Amino acid sequence: MLRQGYAGQAGIYASTAAVMLLLEARNRATHMLENGGDIRFIQQLLGHARLDTTQIYTDVAIVQLREVHARTHPNARL
C-alpha cells in the first residue's frame, strides 16, 4: 500500500489519510457555515461543482437553524 508525506512518516496508509482529509474538510465547512460563512463561498473553497454536494459536508445543528429562523424569518416574528 502506498504511503505519502507526513502521513507515511506517521505510519498512516494513503486510504486512511484520504479519509482524514475528507473529515477535516467537512469539519471546516461545518464550522464556517455555523459562523456565518456563505455556503456558495464554502462550495468554491471545497471545489464542488454542485451546491448539494457541499450541503452533504455541512452538518448544521438543528438548534442553530432554529435560532437563525427565529431571528431572521418574517413569519417567526409574528
C-alpha atoms as a PDB file:
ATOM      1  CA  MET A   1       0.000   0.000   0.000  1.00  0.00           C
ATOM      2  CA  LEU A   2       1.251   3.490  -0.890  1.00  0.00           C
ATOM      3  CA  ARG A   3       2.428   5.847   1.851  1.00  0.00           C
ATOM      4  CA  GLN A   4       2.937   9.558   1.278  1.00  0.00           C
ATOM      5  CA  GLY A   5       4.387  12.618   3.046  1.00  0.00           C
ATOM      6  CA  TYR A   6       3.698  13.199   6.705  1.00  0.00           C
ATOM      7  CA  ALA A   7       1.006  10.533   6.743  1.00  0.00           C
ATOM      8  CA  GLY A   8       3.581   7.977   5.619  1.00  0.00           C
ATOM      9  CA  GLN A   9       6.033   9.142   8.248  1.00  0.00           C
ATOM     10  CA  ALA A  10       3.310   8.703  10.846  1.00  0.00           C
ATOM     11  CA  GLY A  11       2.586   5.181   9.571  1.00  0.00           C
ATOM     12  CA  ILE A  12      -0.836   6.090   8.176  1.00  0.00           C
ATOM     13  CA  TYR A  13      -1.835   4.389   4.950  1.00  0.00           C
ATOM     14  CA  ALA A  14      -2.890   6.547   1.994  1.00  0.00           C
ATOM     15  CA  SER A  15      -6.529   5.457   2.213  1.00  0.00           C
ATOM     16  CA  THR A  16      -6.668   6.429   5.887  1.00  0.00           C
ATOM     17  CA  ALA A  17      -5.045   9.778   5.122  1.00  0.00           C
ATOM     18  CA  ALA A  18      -7.655  10.440   2.410  1.00  0.00           C
ATOM     19  CA  VAL A  19     -10.486   9.766   4.860  1.00  0.00           C
ATOM     20  CA  MET A  20      -8.860  12.069   7.396  1.00  0.00           C
ATOM     21  CA  LEU A  21      -8.632  14.856   4.794  1.00  0.00           C
ATOM     22  CA  LEU A  22     -12.292  14.445   3.895  1.00  0.00           C
ATOM     23  CA  LEU A  23     -13.304  14.618   7.552  1.00  0.00           C
ATOM     24  CA  GLU A  24     -11.176  17.733   8.025  1.00  0.00           C
ATOM     25  CA  ALA A  25     -12.815  19.395   5.007  1.00  0.00           C
ATOM     26  CA  ARG A  26     -16.256  18.518   6.356  1.00  0.00           C
ATOM     27  CA  ASN A  27     -15.412  19.883   9.808  1.00  0.00           C
ATOM     28  CA  ARG A  28     -14.035  23.133   8.404  1.00  0.00           C
ATOM     29  CA  ALA A  29     -17.039  23.605   6.138  1.00  0.00           C
ATOM     30  CA  THR A  30     -19.412  23.000   9.027  1.00  0.00           C
ATOM     31  CA  HIS A  31     -17.584  25.462  11.291  1.00  0.00           C
ATOM     32  CA  MET A  32     -17.510  28.105   8.564  1.00  0.00           C
ATOM     33  CA  LEU A  33     -21.225  27.741   7.907  1.00  0.00           C
ATOM     34  CA  GLU A  34     -22.082  27.810  11.617  1.00  0.00           C
ATOM     35  CA  ASN A  35     -20.071  31.015  11.993  1.00  0.00           C
ATOM     36  CA  GLY A  36     -21.870  32.816   9.199  1.00  0.00           C
ATOM     37  CA  GLY A  37     -19.906  31.684   6.149  1.00  0.00           C
ATOM     38  CA  ASP A  38     -21.756  31.833   2.845  1.00  0.00           C
ATOM     39  CA  ILE A  39     -22.464  28.353   1.511  1.00  0.00           C
ATOM     40  CA  ARG A  40     -21.566  29.435  -2.041  1.00  0.00           C
ATOM     41  CA  PHE A  41     -18.152  30.594  -0.832  1.00  0.00           C
ATOM     42  CA  ILE A  42     -17.682  27.299   1.010  1.00  0.00           C
ATOM     43  CA  GLN A  43     -18.709  25.471  -2.166  1.00  0.00           C
ATOM     44  CA  GLN A  44     -15.935  27.247  -4.074  1.00  0.00           C
ATOM     45  CA  LEU A  45     -13.356  26.545  -1.365  1.00  0.00           C
ATOM     46  CA  LEU A  46     -14.178  22.845  -1.444  1.00  0.00           C
ATOM     47  CA  GLY A  47     -14.152  22.790  -5.253  1.00  0.00           C
ATOM     48  CA  HIS A  48     -17.656  21.397  -5.598  1.00  0.00           C
ATOM     49  CA  ALA A  49     -19.493  21.838  -8.890  1.00  0.00           C
ATOM     50  CA  ARG A  50     -22.904  21.383  -7.268  1.00  0.00           C
ATOM     51  CA  LEU A  51     -24.293  23.024  -4.151  1.00  0.00           C
ATOM     52  CA  ASP A  52     -25.985  19.835  -2.979  1.00  0.00           C
ATOM     53  CA  THR A  53     -22.545  18.223  -2.743  1.00  0.00           C
ATOM     54  CA  THR A  54     -21.420  20.997  -0.404  1.00  0.00           C
ATOM     55  CA  GLN A  55     -24.533  20.564   1.724  1.00  0.00           C
ATOM     56  CA  ILE A  56     -23.516  16.975   2.437  1.00  0.00           C
ATOM     57  CA  TYR A  57     -20.373  18.305   4.118  1.00  0.00           C
ATOM     58  CA  THR A  58     -22.193  20.760   6.333  1.00  0.00           C
ATOM     59  CA  ASP A  59     -23.787  19.329   9.434  1.00  0.00           C
ATOM     60  CA  VAL A  60     -25.550  22.316  10.922  1.00  0.00           C
ATOM     61  CA  ALA A  61     -27.059  21.771  14.337  1.00  0.00           C
ATOM     62  CA  ILE A  62     -30.862  21.977  14.317  1.00  0.00           C
ATOM     63  CA  VAL A  63     -30.706  24.302  17.331  1.00  0.00           C
ATOM     64  CA  GLN A  64     -28.704  26.846  15.372  1.00  0.00           C
ATOM     65  CA  LEU A  65     -31.060  26.563  12.395  1.00  0.00           C
ATOM     66  CA  ARG A  66     -33.982  27.331  14.704  1.00  0.00           C
ATOM     67  CA  GLU A  67     -32.151  30.327  16.157  1.00  0.00           C
ATOM     68  CA  VAL A  68     -31.419  31.744  12.704  1.00  0.00           C
ATOM     69  CA  HIS A  69     -35.007  31.145  11.646  1.00  0.00           C
ATOM     70  CA  ALA A  70     -36.378  32.887  14.726  1.00  0.00           C
ATOM     71  CA  ARG A  71     -34.001  35.807  14.256  1.00  0.00           C
ATOM     72  CA  THR A  72     -34.436  36.347  10.507  1.00  0.00           C
ATOM     73  CA  HIS A  73     -37.652  34.866   9.113  1.00  0.00           C
ATOM     74  CA  PRO A  74     -40.561  37.360   8.866  1.00  0.00           C
ATOM     75  CA  ASN A  75     -43.154  34.784   9.949  1.00  0.00           C
ATOM     76  CA  ALA A  76     -41.171  33.915  13.067  1.00  0.00           C
ATOM     77  CA  ARG A  77     -41.668  37.472  14.362  1.00  0.00           C
ATOM     78  CA  LEU A  78     -45.466  37.407  14.224  1.00  0.00           C
END
